[in-house]
Protein backbone atom coordinates (compact mmCIF):
# COMPACT_ATOMS: atom_id res chain seq x y z
CA MET A 1 -25.85 -35.11 77.89
CA ALA A 2 -26.41 -31.46 79.81
CA ILE A 3 -23.88 -30.46 82.48
CA GLU A 4 -24.41 -32.04 86.20
CA THR A 5 -22.30 -29.77 87.83
CA THR A 6 -22.34 -26.76 89.30
CA THR A 7 -18.31 -27.20 89.58
CA TYR A 8 -16.46 -28.84 86.69
CA ASP A 9 -13.86 -30.64 88.56
CA HIS A 10 -10.30 -32.17 86.92
CA ILE A 11 -11.15 -35.86 85.06
CA ILE A 12 -8.21 -38.03 85.95
CA GLY A 13 -8.09 -41.46 85.48
CA GLY A 14 -11.22 -41.74 84.12
CA SER A 15 -12.42 -40.33 87.40
CA ARG A 16 -13.74 -36.80 88.53
CA TYR A 17 -11.06 -35.69 90.47
CA ALA A 18 -11.39 -31.95 92.92
CA GLY A 19 -7.93 -31.84 93.39
CA GLN A 20 -5.28 -31.13 96.47
CA GLY A 21 -5.88 -27.85 96.73
CA ASP A 22 -9.43 -25.05 97.52
CA ARG A 23 -8.69 -22.48 94.28
CA VAL A 24 -11.30 -22.40 92.03
CA ALA A 25 -12.49 -19.70 89.18
CA ASP A 26 -15.91 -18.80 87.81
CA VAL A 27 -17.84 -19.34 84.67
CA TYR A 28 -19.62 -16.77 83.05
CA ASP A 29 -22.11 -16.27 80.86
CA PRO A 30 -20.94 -13.56 78.62
CA ALA A 31 -24.24 -12.36 77.40
CA THR A 32 -25.63 -11.54 81.08
CA GLY A 33 -22.07 -11.25 82.82
CA ALA A 34 -23.55 -13.95 85.54
CA THR A 35 -21.76 -16.54 86.98
CA MET A 36 -23.04 -19.84 85.27
CA ARG A 37 -20.52 -22.15 87.67
CA ARG A 38 -17.31 -22.26 88.77
CA VAL A 39 -13.93 -24.24 87.78
CA ARG A 40 -11.07 -26.20 89.83
CA LEU A 41 -7.30 -24.48 88.59
CA ALA A 42 -4.92 -27.30 89.57
CA SER A 43 -1.82 -27.56 91.68
CA GLU A 44 1.40 -28.95 90.80
CA ALA A 45 0.47 -31.96 92.34
CA ASP A 46 -2.78 -32.01 90.46
CA ALA A 47 -0.47 -32.08 87.37
CA ASP A 48 1.53 -34.89 88.38
CA ALA A 49 -1.56 -37.06 89.02
CA ALA A 50 -3.00 -36.26 85.74
CA VAL A 51 0.81 -36.95 83.89
CA ALA A 52 0.96 -40.15 85.91
CA SER A 53 -2.67 -41.37 85.60
CA ALA A 54 -1.63 -41.11 81.68
CA ALA A 55 2.02 -42.59 81.97
CA LYS A 56 0.41 -45.65 83.50
CA ALA A 57 -2.25 -45.92 80.98
CA TYR A 58 -0.01 -45.46 77.68
CA GLU A 59 2.06 -48.60 79.15
CA SER A 60 -0.74 -50.57 77.34
CA TRP A 61 -2.63 -48.32 75.50
CA ALA A 62 0.52 -47.93 73.47
CA GLU A 63 0.42 -51.69 72.70
CA ALA A 64 -2.99 -51.83 71.57
CA SER A 65 -3.70 -52.64 67.97
CA VAL A 66 -4.02 -50.17 65.48
CA THR A 67 -7.37 -50.98 64.83
CA ALA A 68 -8.93 -50.99 68.46
CA ARG A 69 -7.88 -47.87 68.42
CA SER A 70 -9.29 -46.65 65.23
CA ARG A 71 -12.61 -48.60 66.49
CA VAL A 72 -12.49 -46.17 69.60
CA MET A 73 -12.39 -43.30 66.53
CA TYR A 74 -15.13 -44.52 64.82
CA ALA A 75 -17.13 -44.81 68.00
CA PHE A 76 -16.80 -40.99 69.34
CA ARG A 77 -17.05 -40.07 65.86
CA GLN A 78 -20.49 -41.29 66.14
CA LEU A 79 -21.33 -39.69 69.59
CA LEU A 80 -20.09 -36.10 68.53
CA VAL A 81 -22.42 -36.61 65.64
CA GLU A 82 -25.40 -37.52 67.95
CA HIS A 83 -24.25 -35.22 70.84
CA GLU A 84 -23.79 -31.94 68.56
CA THR A 85 -26.50 -29.98 70.00
CA ASP A 86 -25.40 -30.86 73.48
CA LEU A 87 -21.78 -29.54 72.38
CA ALA A 88 -22.81 -26.63 70.69
CA GLU A 89 -25.82 -25.36 73.59
CA VAL A 90 -22.89 -25.74 76.24
CA ILE A 91 -20.11 -23.92 74.14
CA SER A 92 -22.57 -21.21 73.12
CA ALA A 93 -23.49 -20.46 77.03
CA GLU A 94 -19.79 -20.08 78.21
CA HIS A 95 -18.07 -18.18 75.13
CA GLY A 96 -21.23 -16.46 73.86
CA LYS A 97 -20.96 -17.74 69.95
CA THR A 98 -24.22 -18.06 68.52
CA ILE A 99 -25.38 -21.69 67.92
CA ASP A 100 -24.45 -22.35 64.71
CA ASP A 101 -21.37 -20.47 65.06
CA ALA A 102 -20.69 -23.54 67.58
CA ARG A 103 -22.54 -26.10 65.38
CA GLY A 104 -19.85 -24.88 63.10
CA GLU A 105 -16.38 -25.50 65.24
CA VAL A 106 -18.08 -29.17 66.76
CA VAL A 107 -18.42 -29.98 62.56
CA ARG A 108 -14.56 -28.61 62.08
CA GLY A 109 -13.38 -30.78 65.14
CA ARG A 110 -15.43 -33.66 64.18
CA GLU A 111 -13.66 -33.45 60.91
CA VAL A 112 -10.20 -34.08 62.65
CA VAL A 113 -12.06 -37.48 63.93
CA GLU A 114 -12.50 -38.98 60.40
CA PHE A 115 -9.07 -38.45 60.07
CA ALA A 116 -7.88 -40.25 63.29
CA CYS A 117 -10.35 -43.16 62.13
CA GLY A 118 -7.76 -43.96 59.35
CA VAL A 119 -5.02 -44.55 61.40
CA PRO A 120 -4.25 -47.91 60.19
CA GLU A 121 -3.38 -45.99 57.07
CA LEU A 122 -1.85 -43.74 58.24
CA LEU A 123 0.61 -45.50 60.18
CA LYS A 124 1.34 -47.67 57.38
CA GLY A 125 5.34 -47.64 57.24
CA GLU A 126 7.78 -48.82 54.43
CA TYR A 127 10.14 -51.35 53.18
CA SER A 128 12.84 -51.70 51.41
CA ASP A 129 13.65 -55.85 50.55
CA GLN A 130 17.56 -56.72 49.57
CA VAL A 131 19.64 -53.01 50.42
CA SER A 132 22.18 -55.23 50.60
CA THR A 133 23.00 -59.15 50.06
CA GLY A 134 20.90 -60.44 52.72
CA VAL A 135 19.84 -57.14 54.34
CA ASP A 136 16.51 -55.79 54.54
CA THR A 137 15.38 -52.21 55.92
CA PHE A 138 12.08 -51.18 57.17
CA THR A 139 10.69 -47.84 58.86
CA PHE A 140 7.79 -47.36 60.77
CA ARG A 141 6.24 -44.81 63.53
CA GLN A 142 5.83 -44.90 67.06
CA PRO A 143 4.24 -43.18 69.62
CA LEU A 144 5.46 -40.10 71.73
CA GLY A 145 3.99 -41.17 75.78
CA VAL A 146 2.22 -38.76 77.59
CA VAL A 147 1.70 -35.36 75.29
CA ALA A 148 -0.19 -32.47 76.56
CA GLY A 149 -2.45 -29.96 74.94
CA ILE A 150 -2.87 -26.09 76.18
CA THR A 151 -6.40 -24.62 74.32
CA PRO A 152 -7.64 -21.17 74.22
CA PHE A 153 -10.92 -19.83 75.08
CA ASN A 154 -12.16 -18.96 71.45
CA PHE A 155 -13.03 -22.65 70.41
CA PRO A 156 -13.53 -24.77 73.16
CA ALA A 157 -14.59 -27.71 71.40
CA MET A 158 -12.45 -27.46 67.79
CA VAL A 159 -8.67 -26.38 68.72
CA PRO A 160 -8.85 -29.24 71.62
CA LEU A 161 -10.53 -32.11 68.92
CA TRP A 162 -7.41 -30.60 66.53
CA MET A 163 -4.95 -32.36 68.95
CA HIS A 164 -6.22 -35.37 70.83
CA PRO A 165 -7.39 -37.45 68.32
CA ILE A 166 -4.69 -37.57 66.71
CA ALA A 167 -2.39 -37.95 69.89
CA ILE A 168 -4.57 -40.68 70.76
CA ALA A 169 -5.13 -42.47 67.54
CA THR A 170 -1.22 -42.83 67.41
CA GLY A 171 -0.91 -44.21 70.41
CA ASN A 172 -0.13 -41.44 73.38
CA THR A 173 -2.07 -40.87 76.12
CA PHE A 174 -3.27 -37.06 76.60
CA VAL A 175 -3.43 -34.17 79.32
CA LEU A 176 -5.95 -31.26 78.16
CA LYS A 177 -5.38 -28.12 79.79
CA PRO A 178 -8.72 -26.26 78.44
CA SER A 179 -9.36 -22.66 79.26
CA GLU A 180 -10.54 -22.18 82.33
CA ARG A 181 -13.21 -19.82 80.63
CA VAL A 182 -14.86 -22.61 78.65
CA PRO A 183 -14.42 -25.56 80.45
CA GLY A 184 -17.88 -27.20 79.87
CA ALA A 185 -17.20 -28.72 76.38
CA SER A 186 -13.84 -30.57 77.36
CA ASP A 187 -16.07 -31.89 80.45
CA LEU A 188 -18.43 -33.42 77.77
CA ILE A 189 -15.77 -34.92 75.21
CA ALA A 190 -14.21 -36.81 78.35
CA ARG A 191 -17.54 -38.05 79.01
CA LEU A 192 -18.16 -39.06 75.50
CA TYR A 193 -14.58 -40.69 74.94
CA ALA A 194 -15.13 -42.94 77.93
CA GLU A 195 -18.32 -44.01 76.34
CA ALA A 196 -16.80 -44.69 73.29
CA GLY A 197 -14.69 -46.87 74.98
CA LEU A 198 -11.11 -45.47 75.54
CA PRO A 199 -9.57 -46.70 78.60
CA ALA A 200 -9.63 -45.22 81.65
CA GLY A 201 -6.32 -42.19 81.52
CA VAL A 202 -6.01 -42.22 78.38
CA PHE A 203 -7.24 -38.34 77.97
CA ASN A 204 -7.32 -36.60 81.13
CA VAL A 205 -8.41 -32.91 81.58
CA LEU A 206 -6.54 -30.64 84.10
CA HIS A 207 -8.76 -27.40 84.42
CA GLY A 208 -6.42 -24.03 85.72
CA ASP A 209 -4.14 -21.41 85.00
CA ARG A 210 -0.65 -20.70 84.46
CA VAL A 211 0.28 -22.88 87.35
CA ALA A 212 -1.32 -25.78 85.34
CA VAL A 213 -0.05 -24.86 82.16
CA ASP A 214 4.14 -24.22 83.73
CA ALA A 215 3.73 -27.68 85.33
CA LEU A 216 3.11 -29.60 82.18
CA LEU A 217 5.36 -27.28 80.53
CA ARG A 218 8.37 -28.21 82.33
CA HIS A 219 7.09 -31.63 83.99
CA ARG A 220 9.97 -34.45 82.92
CA ASP A 221 7.12 -37.24 81.98
CA VAL A 222 5.60 -34.59 79.03
CA ALA A 223 6.71 -35.57 75.79
CA ALA A 224 5.21 -32.98 73.57
CA VAL A 225 3.30 -30.01 73.94
CA SER A 226 0.31 -28.73 71.50
CA PHE A 227 -0.33 -24.97 72.07
CA VAL A 228 -3.00 -22.68 70.35
CA GLY A 229 -3.16 -18.90 71.24
CA SER A 230 -1.80 -15.15 71.58
CA THR A 231 1.50 -14.63 70.10
CA PRO A 232 3.50 -14.27 73.56
CA VAL A 233 2.19 -16.99 75.27
CA ALA A 234 2.95 -18.95 71.96
CA ARG A 235 6.64 -18.15 72.30
CA TYR A 236 6.59 -18.45 75.97
CA VAL A 237 5.56 -22.51 75.95
CA HIS A 238 8.14 -22.58 72.71
CA GLN A 239 10.99 -21.40 74.82
CA THR A 240 9.98 -23.32 78.12
CA ALA A 241 9.14 -26.75 76.78
CA SER A 242 11.73 -26.90 74.80
CA ALA A 243 14.30 -25.96 76.86
CA ALA A 244 12.87 -28.60 79.43
CA GLY A 245 13.19 -31.35 75.77
CA LYS A 246 10.49 -31.48 75.15
CA ARG A 247 8.50 -31.31 71.31
CA VAL A 248 6.54 -28.48 70.73
CA GLN A 249 4.44 -26.81 68.11
CA ALA A 250 2.97 -23.58 69.41
CA LEU A 251 0.74 -21.70 67.18
CA GLY A 252 0.33 -17.62 67.69
CA GLY A 253 -1.96 -14.72 67.00
CA ALA A 254 -2.97 -13.17 63.83
CA LYS A 255 -3.56 -10.38 61.79
CA ASN A 256 -5.35 -11.38 59.05
CA HIS A 257 -6.05 -9.47 55.68
CA ALA A 258 -8.24 -9.65 52.56
CA VAL A 259 -7.28 -8.17 49.51
CA VAL A 260 -9.86 -7.01 47.23
CA MET A 261 -9.03 -6.00 43.78
CA PRO A 262 -10.57 -3.78 41.05
CA ASP A 263 -11.66 -6.95 38.88
CA ALA A 264 -13.05 -8.46 42.05
CA ASP A 265 -17.13 -9.32 42.56
CA LEU A 266 -17.49 -6.98 45.43
CA ASP A 267 -20.75 -7.97 46.64
CA HIS A 268 -19.57 -11.75 46.89
CA ALA A 269 -16.56 -10.15 48.70
CA ALA A 270 -18.25 -7.60 51.22
CA ARG A 271 -20.44 -10.53 51.75
CA GLN A 272 -17.48 -12.82 52.71
CA ILE A 273 -15.35 -10.31 54.20
CA LEU A 274 -18.19 -9.61 56.70
CA ALA A 275 -18.83 -13.02 57.97
CA ALA A 276 -15.17 -13.78 58.17
CA ALA A 277 -15.20 -10.21 60.15
CA TYR A 278 -17.74 -10.50 62.62
CA GLY A 279 -18.94 -13.73 63.37
CA SER A 280 -18.26 -15.22 66.56
CA ALA A 281 -17.39 -11.33 67.36
CA GLY A 282 -14.63 -11.15 65.53
CA GLN A 283 -12.93 -13.81 68.32
CA ARG A 284 -11.31 -16.09 65.64
CA CYS A 285 -7.45 -16.31 65.10
CA MET A 286 -8.61 -15.96 61.39
CA ALA A 287 -10.58 -13.97 61.27
CA ILE A 288 -10.34 -11.22 59.01
CA SER A 289 -9.39 -8.20 60.30
CA ALA A 290 -8.01 -5.43 57.88
CA VAL A 291 -9.35 -5.22 54.48
CA LEU A 292 -7.10 -3.75 51.46
CA ALA A 293 -9.33 -1.84 48.86
CA VAL A 294 -6.52 -1.84 45.84
CA GLY A 295 -6.87 1.30 43.53
CA GLY A 296 -10.67 3.40 43.26
CA ILE A 297 -12.69 0.56 44.50
CA ALA A 298 -12.74 2.03 48.23
CA ASP A 299 -15.61 3.83 48.07
CA GLU A 300 -17.89 1.17 46.72
CA LEU A 301 -16.64 -1.52 48.84
CA VAL A 302 -16.98 0.53 51.95
CA ALA A 303 -20.42 1.56 50.93
CA LYS A 304 -21.23 -2.02 50.60
CA LEU A 305 -19.92 -3.49 53.90
CA ARG A 306 -21.68 -0.85 56.20
CA ASP A 307 -24.78 -1.76 54.58
CA LEU A 308 -24.55 -5.12 55.36
CA THR A 309 -23.19 -4.63 59.14
CA LEU A 310 -25.95 -1.81 60.08
CA GLY A 311 -27.90 -5.15 58.97
CA LEU A 312 -26.16 -7.18 61.67
CA ARG A 313 -28.18 -8.47 64.90
CA VAL A 314 -26.35 -8.42 68.13
CA GLY A 315 -27.62 -10.94 71.02
CA PRO A 316 -26.96 -13.66 73.20
CA GLY A 317 -25.38 -16.80 71.17
CA THR A 318 -28.62 -18.71 72.78
CA SER A 319 -31.09 -16.49 70.88
CA PRO A 320 -31.73 -17.86 66.73
CA ASP A 321 -31.58 -13.94 66.19
CA SER A 322 -28.52 -13.19 67.01
CA ASP A 323 -25.89 -13.08 64.19
CA LEU A 324 -22.89 -12.57 66.77
CA GLY A 325 -23.23 -12.46 70.46
CA PRO A 326 -20.64 -10.99 73.15
CA VAL A 327 -17.36 -10.89 74.09
CA ILE A 328 -15.82 -13.27 75.98
CA SER A 329 -15.33 -10.25 78.91
CA PRO A 330 -15.62 -6.98 80.32
CA VAL A 331 -12.16 -6.39 79.14
CA ALA A 332 -11.99 -7.89 76.06
CA ARG A 333 -14.96 -5.40 75.34
CA ASP A 334 -13.35 -2.33 76.73
CA ARG A 335 -10.39 -3.84 74.72
CA VAL A 336 -11.86 -2.77 71.59
CA VAL A 337 -13.50 0.40 72.69
CA GLY A 338 -10.33 1.39 73.50
CA TYR A 339 -9.07 0.79 69.79
CA VAL A 340 -12.31 2.29 68.39
CA ASP A 341 -11.85 5.39 70.61
CA GLN A 342 -7.57 6.10 69.38
CA ALA A 343 -8.36 5.16 66.36
CA GLU A 344 -10.71 7.68 65.62
CA ARG A 345 -8.01 10.16 67.73
CA ASP A 346 -5.82 9.27 65.24
CA GLY A 347 -7.94 9.95 61.82
CA ALA A 348 -9.69 6.88 60.79
CA ASP A 349 -13.18 7.45 59.90
CA VAL A 350 -15.89 5.35 61.78
CA VAL A 351 -18.32 4.45 59.55
CA VAL A 352 -20.53 2.04 61.98
CA ASP A 353 -19.62 2.40 65.71
CA GLY A 354 -20.36 -0.43 68.13
CA ARG A 355 -19.25 1.60 70.94
CA GLY A 356 -22.04 1.68 73.49
CA THR A 357 -23.94 -1.03 72.00
CA THR A 358 -26.76 -2.43 74.79
CA VAL A 359 -28.92 -5.64 74.10
CA PRO A 360 -32.32 -5.80 75.86
CA GLY A 361 -32.91 -7.65 79.30
CA HIS A 362 -28.93 -8.01 79.05
CA ASP A 363 -27.77 -4.65 80.47
CA GLU A 364 -24.59 -6.33 81.95
CA GLY A 365 -23.46 -8.51 79.40
CA PHE A 366 -20.12 -8.25 77.40
CA PHE A 367 -21.33 -6.49 74.48
CA VAL A 368 -19.78 -4.38 71.67
CA GLY A 369 -21.64 -3.78 68.46
CA PRO A 370 -19.58 -4.78 64.69
CA THR A 371 -17.56 -1.77 64.37
CA LEU A 372 -16.25 -0.25 60.77
CA LEU A 373 -13.58 2.01 59.77
CA ASP A 374 -12.03 3.33 57.04
CA ARG A 375 -9.03 5.44 56.17
CA VAL A 376 -7.35 3.64 58.26
CA SER A 377 -3.30 4.10 58.15
CA SER A 378 -0.75 0.97 58.98
CA THR A 379 0.77 2.95 62.24
CA MET A 380 -2.35 2.93 63.95
CA SER A 381 -2.46 0.35 66.79
CA ALA A 382 -6.19 -0.94 65.66
CA TYR A 383 -4.23 -1.94 62.95
CA GLN A 384 -0.88 -3.47 64.30
CA ASP A 385 -2.10 -5.21 66.79
CA GLU A 386 -4.42 -8.61 66.88
CA VAL A 387 -7.95 -6.89 68.42
CA PHE A 388 -9.82 -10.13 68.68
CA GLY A 389 -13.06 -8.53 68.19
CA PRO A 390 -15.78 -7.44 65.84
CA LEU A 391 -13.47 -4.20 64.48
CA LEU A 392 -12.74 -4.64 60.78
CA CYS A 393 -10.06 -1.70 58.99
CA VAL A 394 -10.70 -0.50 55.73
CA LEU A 395 -7.38 0.55 54.10
CA ARG A 396 -6.89 2.09 51.10
CA VAL A 397 -3.54 0.82 48.47
CA PRO A 398 -3.27 2.16 45.03
CA SER A 399 -1.54 -1.38 43.97
CA LEU A 400 -1.18 -5.17 44.13
CA GLY A 401 2.68 -4.29 44.63
CA THR A 402 1.53 -2.02 47.86
CA ALA A 403 -0.68 -4.61 49.56
CA LEU A 404 1.73 -7.03 49.68
CA GLU A 405 4.23 -4.85 50.83
CA LEU A 406 1.51 -4.51 53.46
CA VAL A 407 0.84 -7.78 54.41
CA ASN A 408 4.35 -9.03 54.31
CA ALA A 409 5.68 -6.45 56.59
CA ASN A 410 2.92 -7.28 59.28
CA PRO A 411 4.98 -9.44 62.51
CA TYR A 412 1.82 -11.88 61.93
CA GLY A 413 1.74 -14.78 59.01
CA ASN A 414 -1.23 -16.91 59.78
CA GLY A 415 -4.11 -16.64 57.29
CA THR A 416 -4.80 -14.29 54.27
CA ALA A 417 -7.16 -14.03 51.33
CA VAL A 418 -7.47 -12.24 47.85
CA PHE A 419 -10.48 -11.67 45.87
CA THR A 420 -9.99 -11.16 42.57
CA ALA A 421 -11.30 -12.16 38.83
CA SER A 422 -7.58 -12.98 37.63
CA GLY A 423 -5.91 -16.13 37.90
CA GLY A 424 -2.30 -13.87 36.87
CA VAL A 425 -3.08 -11.69 40.27
CA ALA A 426 -4.02 -15.04 42.58
CA ARG A 427 -1.12 -16.51 41.70
CA THR A 428 1.16 -13.69 42.09
CA PHE A 429 -0.32 -13.05 45.35
CA GLN A 430 -0.27 -16.81 46.76
CA ARG A 431 3.42 -17.43 45.84
CA GLN A 432 4.27 -14.03 46.91
CA VAL A 433 2.83 -13.50 50.27
CA LYS A 434 4.34 -14.51 53.61
CA ALA A 435 1.55 -16.65 55.29
CA GLY A 436 1.03 -19.84 55.99
CA MET A 437 -2.43 -20.49 55.00
CA VAL A 438 -4.00 -18.07 51.57
CA GLY A 439 -7.02 -17.79 50.37
CA VAL A 440 -8.27 -16.94 46.86
CA ASN A 441 -12.05 -16.07 46.61
CA VAL A 442 -12.30 -17.81 50.13
CA PRO A 443 -11.77 -15.30 53.45
CA VAL A 444 -11.00 -18.24 55.70
CA PRO A 445 -8.69 -20.51 54.15
CA VAL A 446 -8.59 -22.91 57.19
CA PRO A 447 -7.48 -26.35 55.70
CA MET A 448 -9.37 -29.49 56.15
CA ALA A 449 -8.56 -32.14 58.82
CA PHE A 450 -6.23 -33.91 55.73
CA HIS A 451 -4.30 -31.45 55.32
CA SER A 452 -2.49 -29.19 58.30
CA PHE A 453 -3.35 -25.76 59.78
CA GLY A 454 -0.29 -23.39 60.85
CA GLY A 455 0.77 -19.74 60.21
CA TRP A 456 4.27 -18.39 59.71
CA LYS A 457 6.16 -15.72 61.52
CA ASP A 458 5.16 -14.52 65.00
CA SER A 459 1.94 -16.81 64.06
CA ARG A 460 3.59 -20.09 64.46
CA PHE A 461 6.93 -20.94 67.10
CA ALA A 462 8.66 -24.74 66.73
CA ASP A 463 8.18 -26.35 62.96
CA HIS A 464 5.64 -28.28 63.13
CA HIS A 465 1.82 -27.22 62.07
CA ILE A 466 -1.56 -28.72 63.52
CA HIS A 467 -3.26 -31.58 62.87
CA GLY A 468 -3.28 -33.11 59.58
CA PRO A 469 -0.30 -34.93 58.21
CA GLU A 470 2.13 -33.15 60.08
CA GLY A 471 -0.03 -33.56 63.49
CA VAL A 472 0.78 -37.78 62.75
CA ARG A 473 4.28 -36.75 62.17
CA PHE A 474 4.43 -34.78 65.31
CA TYR A 475 2.91 -37.05 67.67
CA THR A 476 4.59 -40.45 66.71
CA GLN A 477 8.80 -40.61 65.61
CA ALA A 478 10.38 -42.73 63.25
CA LYS A 479 12.40 -45.93 63.67
CA VAL A 480 14.87 -47.76 60.94
CA VAL A 481 15.02 -51.50 61.29
CA THR A 482 17.59 -53.02 59.27
CA THR A 483 17.94 -56.85 59.61
CA ARG A 484 19.77 -60.13 58.48
CA TRP A 485 18.99 -63.45 59.07
CA PRO A 486 22.28 -65.53 58.09
CA GLU A 487 22.40 -68.94 57.85
CA ARG A 488 25.12 -70.77 59.84
CA ALA A 489 27.28 -71.38 57.41
CA ASP A 490 27.56 -67.65 55.85
CA ARG A 491 28.92 -66.54 59.15
CA GLY A 492 32.22 -64.65 58.36
CA SER A 493 34.81 -63.19 60.57
CA THR A 494 34.25 -60.01 62.54
CA GLY A 495 34.90 -56.91 59.45
CA PHE A 496 35.97 -53.62 61.39
CA ALA A 497 35.27 -51.77 57.69
CA PHE A 498 32.64 -49.27 57.63
CA PRO A 499 29.66 -51.45 56.14
CA THR A 500 28.60 -50.87 52.71
CA ALA A 501 26.18 -52.64 50.73
CA SER A 502 27.63 -55.34 48.63
């Protein structure tokens, strides 16, 4: 299922929609720097059209049986299997990540669809018989209405798939505003939904920039907003949508640490940290960007990391020989290089230097090689900030307690990991660390779809995590019904005392 357009239109009401404005943006191939396609940038009127389409579709979709919704999800899931390669190729071309990495995100997104296939079970309510004489009480959950998702560039398929399958399966209709840098995956997903039998208007794609975002955040007919992106934008989304009376889940940035204890298997730790730091060129909210080497293991650990890093191959993501591809833009490349420059000036050791990396035949590509810094201090910007690139910092700390203090002092609390052979250390770490997702000898502890994903502190705003059981709760609201069916002879006089059980 190839992309058949030079300009991505919005998809509203099941049809392509060019919009009412003439604003467009370029979609680049980050491996070459060349423009591949263009994408429409929505106006407020376009956002109104998308929401209106979703609102109209909601009237019937909310009344569809849970069995019918589940069957659409089963069909959609099978189409994701059949078109896994198509999705991976468009993701790799527009994002720059390797084909294998892109396949991985499609699979992890598909797992949420598999979770959503069980919506008849997920929406089962509760029933209490005879709560009072002749009175029964039961609860059930109903959808919210039109909901919106605003998603980042780094996971063009997976992050949206964390949102819309659960929202749609539970009876809502959806407006997706994907990153305008990587619109192709959402275009393909919309086509697969239509092929799966999803009625027109239930899933809509609105391309655009801040104009589209603000329109959705403030639209009176949007009941809830899901967001994944940087912390400043997550805070803005939370504040703006909440002020407009909407339900919000907003996931922000990260600074994920790996604590390596003296008793850890250093070969295993080094290999796992390498993949977690440099996979997708470090452009993951769950990437490990800081290693805390505890005790006297730092020299050995850094040597292992150096040797592994030097063996990595940088190239276009579409090449099977590449271990990591380019970053998303020249601005991103220059930002990573700037952090390395500053850290070197501040006294860090540049063990492996990715600055100035070039790829033959791709001179205009947005490449920066994997970079390893040692003897980084907690005051350096390379440690404090979310770099979002292939930069790994090693800090040397004397004890587990010091490591925990550093992790907990960081304003982010998305994910963290400890490498150890000690159950006692692992239990202490997982109980005392202030982060939403914790790995023990697992560097990227992204939970499976039947659990929920979310960080703490400045990595998440509002109460709800994303997908899994919390996703079902986020996209539905509970209703409690109390019933009595009196016989005519039992109808007594009106009572004005507050009712109690009898």
